[in-house]
Each structure stands twice: as C-alpha cells, then as structure tokens.
Amino acid sequence: MELDGTDVKILRILLSDARLSSRQIARKTGVSIGTVLSRIKKMKQTGIIKEYSAIIDHEKLGYELTVITEMTISKGRLSEIAKEIAKVPNVCCVYNVTGLTDAMVIAKFKKREELSGFTKYLLSLPHVERTNTHVVLTTMKEDFRVI
C-alpha cells in the first residue's frame, strides 16, 4: 500500500495517542470522519497497523537491565533459532543482521539472575556458537514510533 500525506498524518496522530476518536483525528487532519475510518481500516487490512498498544516505562516496572546480545549461529539455522528466541517473554527484539555476527537480541530483565539464566539458555540452544552480551548503562532514546 502506498501511503499519501493523509495516511502519514493519521499514523503520526495514532502514534502520539491511539486513544483519540475518529472524530478527533478527522479534526486534526482536516478530512472527514469517513476518510479517517476508511484509511485506518485499509492500513489494518494491509498490515501497516498491526495492533494498538501503550508505551510503558520498563524501568518504572522494575526492568532495570536492558541487554543487547550479539549471536553467532551455525550456517542455515538462523531463522529457526531466531524464532525460538523471539518466544522468550523478556525479549523485545530479534534481528538477523549483517556483519561479524548473525543476530542481535534486545531483552529486558529485573534481576541479574534473570539475565544470567537467559544467557545460559541462549548458549544451551543447539547451533548457537557464540554470544556477546552488552549491558546498557544509559538509555538516551528508546522509541520505535518512526514515521
């Protein structure tokens, strides 16, 4: 689906506050309520809008440890391992990447013991050759609302 200026305006409004009514979005974008409803419906059908969610402060919930783990995985096994890791509740992101490693995993933990268990779990998976875990010291920006 090719997005036009109206679609982008609607998405930006939803990203800033998905609780707004169609009427409020229409007022902010200068289009009719029907246009807003049809555009949102089309973006849902094409998968541009996957779901609605709240943006939370993980640290305030006790998730004080954020880690980025580089992984080296045996040739031909990357997809299956990445899918398995993505099932872990603490995992926020799994990326297959270019460079010296095969995948990057971003995860959040409340305690060092949880991080330790996660690291041991990763190393116990078949076809995982190596991991290198980085602990985030300071989060300067963490926001996936890009558009």
Protein backbone atom coordinates (compact mmCIF):
# COMPACT_ATOMS: atom_id res chain seq x y z
CA MET A 1 0.00 0.00 0.00
CA GLU A 2 1.35 3.39 -0.99
CA LEU A 3 0.88 5.95 1.80
CA ASP A 4 -0.09 9.50 0.95
CA GLY A 5 0.12 12.62 3.12
CA THR A 6 -3.25 11.95 4.77
CA ASP A 7 -2.24 8.39 5.73
CA VAL A 8 1.00 9.68 7.24
CA LYS A 9 -0.84 12.36 9.22
CA ILE A 10 -3.26 9.75 10.57
CA LEU A 11 -0.40 7.41 11.53
CA ARG A 12 1.50 10.18 13.31
CA ILE A 13 -1.60 11.07 15.31
CA LEU A 14 -2.20 7.42 16.22
CA LEU A 15 1.44 7.03 17.24
CA SER A 16 1.18 10.01 19.55
CA ASP A 17 -2.20 8.97 21.03
CA ALA A 18 -4.06 5.93 19.71
CA ARG A 19 -6.95 6.62 22.10
CA LEU A 20 -8.21 9.56 20.05
CA SER A 21 -11.59 9.11 18.39
CA SER A 22 -12.02 9.14 14.63
CA ARG A 23 -13.76 12.49 15.02
CA GLN A 24 -10.72 13.96 16.82
CA ILE A 25 -8.34 12.54 14.21
CA ALA A 26 -10.52 13.96 11.41
CA ARG A 27 -10.45 17.38 13.05
CA LYS A 28 -6.65 17.28 13.41
CA THR A 29 -6.08 16.11 9.82
CA GLY A 30 -8.74 18.24 8.16
CA VAL A 31 -10.50 15.30 6.50
CA SER A 32 -13.89 13.67 7.08
CA ILE A 33 -14.55 11.01 9.70
CA GLY A 34 -15.39 8.58 6.88
CA THR A 35 -11.98 9.18 5.31
CA VAL A 36 -10.24 8.55 8.64
CA LEU A 37 -12.21 5.33 9.21
CA SER A 38 -11.58 4.01 5.70
CA ARG A 39 -7.86 4.87 5.80
CA ILE A 40 -7.39 3.19 9.18
CA LYS A 41 -9.33 0.14 8.01
CA LYS A 42 -7.16 -0.13 4.89
CA MET A 43 -3.95 0.24 6.93
CA LYS A 44 -5.16 -2.55 9.24
CA GLN A 45 -6.05 -4.82 6.32
CA THR A 46 -2.65 -4.34 4.68
CA GLY A 47 -0.82 -4.91 7.98
CA ILE A 48 0.64 -1.41 8.31
CA ILE A 49 -1.26 -1.09 11.58
CA LYS A 50 -0.71 -4.36 13.42
CA GLU A 51 -2.28 -3.51 16.78
CA TYR A 52 -2.67 -0.76 19.33
CA SER A 53 -0.51 -0.67 22.41
CA ALA A 54 0.57 1.54 25.31
CA ILE A 55 4.14 2.77 25.53
CA ILE A 56 5.41 1.99 29.00
CA ASP A 57 8.47 2.90 31.02
CA HIS A 58 10.05 -0.50 31.68
CA GLU A 59 12.36 0.84 34.38
CA LYS A 60 9.37 2.01 36.43
CA LEU A 61 8.12 -1.58 36.28
CA GLY A 62 11.43 -2.85 37.62
CA TYR A 63 13.10 -3.84 34.34
CA GLU A 64 16.35 -2.05 35.08
CA LEU A 65 18.60 -4.21 32.92
CA THR A 66 18.49 -3.84 29.15
CA VAL A 67 20.87 -6.01 27.16
CA ILE A 68 21.91 -6.28 23.56
CA THR A 69 23.23 -9.71 22.73
CA GLU A 70 25.17 -10.48 19.59
CA MET A 71 24.81 -14.07 18.43
CA THR A 72 26.74 -16.29 16.07
CA ILE A 73 24.65 -19.19 14.80
CA SER A 74 25.56 -22.19 12.66
CA LYS A 75 25.03 -21.68 8.94
CA GLY A 76 21.50 -22.40 7.80
CA ARG A 77 19.97 -22.36 11.30
CA LEU A 78 19.47 -18.64 11.85
CA SER A 79 15.72 -18.47 11.18
CA GLU A 80 14.77 -21.38 13.42
CA ILE A 81 16.93 -20.13 16.31
CA ALA A 82 15.67 -16.55 15.92
CA LYS A 83 12.05 -17.76 16.00
CA GLU A 84 12.75 -19.73 19.18
CA ILE A 85 14.40 -16.78 20.92
CA ALA A 86 11.52 -14.48 19.91
CA LYS A 87 9.19 -16.60 22.08
CA VAL A 88 11.01 -15.63 25.30
CA PRO A 89 8.86 -13.08 27.20
CA ASN A 90 11.78 -10.80 28.15
CA VAL A 91 12.89 -10.47 24.54
CA CYS A 92 11.85 -7.20 22.91
CA CYS A 93 13.58 -7.51 19.54
CA VAL A 94 15.32 -10.15 17.46
CA TYR A 95 17.16 -9.00 14.35
CA ASN A 96 19.01 -11.01 11.72
CA VAL A 97 21.93 -8.75 10.85
CA THR A 98 24.91 -8.34 8.57
CA GLY A 99 28.45 -8.10 9.91
CA LEU A 100 30.54 -10.27 12.18
CA THR A 101 27.53 -11.77 13.99
CA ASP A 102 24.31 -13.27 12.69
CA ALA A 103 21.67 -11.92 15.06
CA MET A 104 21.09 -9.22 17.66
CA VAL A 105 18.69 -9.69 20.55
CA ILE A 106 17.39 -6.90 22.78
CA ALA A 107 15.93 -8.02 26.08
CA LYS A 108 14.97 -6.54 29.47
CA PHE A 109 15.36 -8.03 32.93
CA LYS A 110 14.55 -7.12 36.52
CA LYS A 111 17.44 -9.01 38.12
CA ARG A 112 20.94 -10.16 37.23
CA GLU A 113 19.86 -13.73 37.94
CA GLU A 114 17.25 -13.49 35.15
CA LEU A 115 19.89 -12.17 32.76
CA SER A 116 22.25 -14.95 33.78
CA GLY A 117 19.57 -17.57 33.13
CA PHE A 118 18.76 -16.04 29.76
CA THR A 119 22.42 -16.03 28.71
CA LYS A 120 22.80 -19.67 29.74
CA TYR A 121 19.59 -20.51 27.85
CA LEU A 122 20.94 -18.89 24.66
CA LEU A 123 24.19 -20.80 24.93
CA SER A 124 22.32 -24.06 25.50
CA LEU A 125 20.39 -23.76 22.25
CA PRO A 126 21.62 -26.07 19.50
CA HIS A 127 23.54 -24.32 16.72
CA VAL A 128 24.37 -21.26 18.85
CA GLU A 129 28.12 -20.97 18.51
CA ARG A 130 28.78 -17.80 20.48
CA THR A 131 27.13 -14.88 22.24
CA ASN A 132 28.42 -11.48 23.30
CA THR A 133 26.14 -9.59 25.69
CA HIS A 134 26.27 -5.83 26.21
CA VAL A 135 24.54 -4.30 29.24
CA VAL A 136 23.02 -0.88 28.52
CA LEU A 137 24.26 1.68 31.02
CA THR A 138 22.10 4.64 29.99
CA THR A 139 19.16 4.78 27.60
CA MET A 140 19.30 8.02 25.65
CA LYS A 141 16.35 7.19 23.39
CA GLU A 142 14.08 4.20 23.04
CA ASP A 143 11.20 4.89 20.70
CA PHE A 144 10.06 2.83 17.73
CA ARG A 145 7.47 5.37 16.56
CA VAL A 146 9.22 6.25 13.31
CA ILE A 147 7.29 7.96 10.54
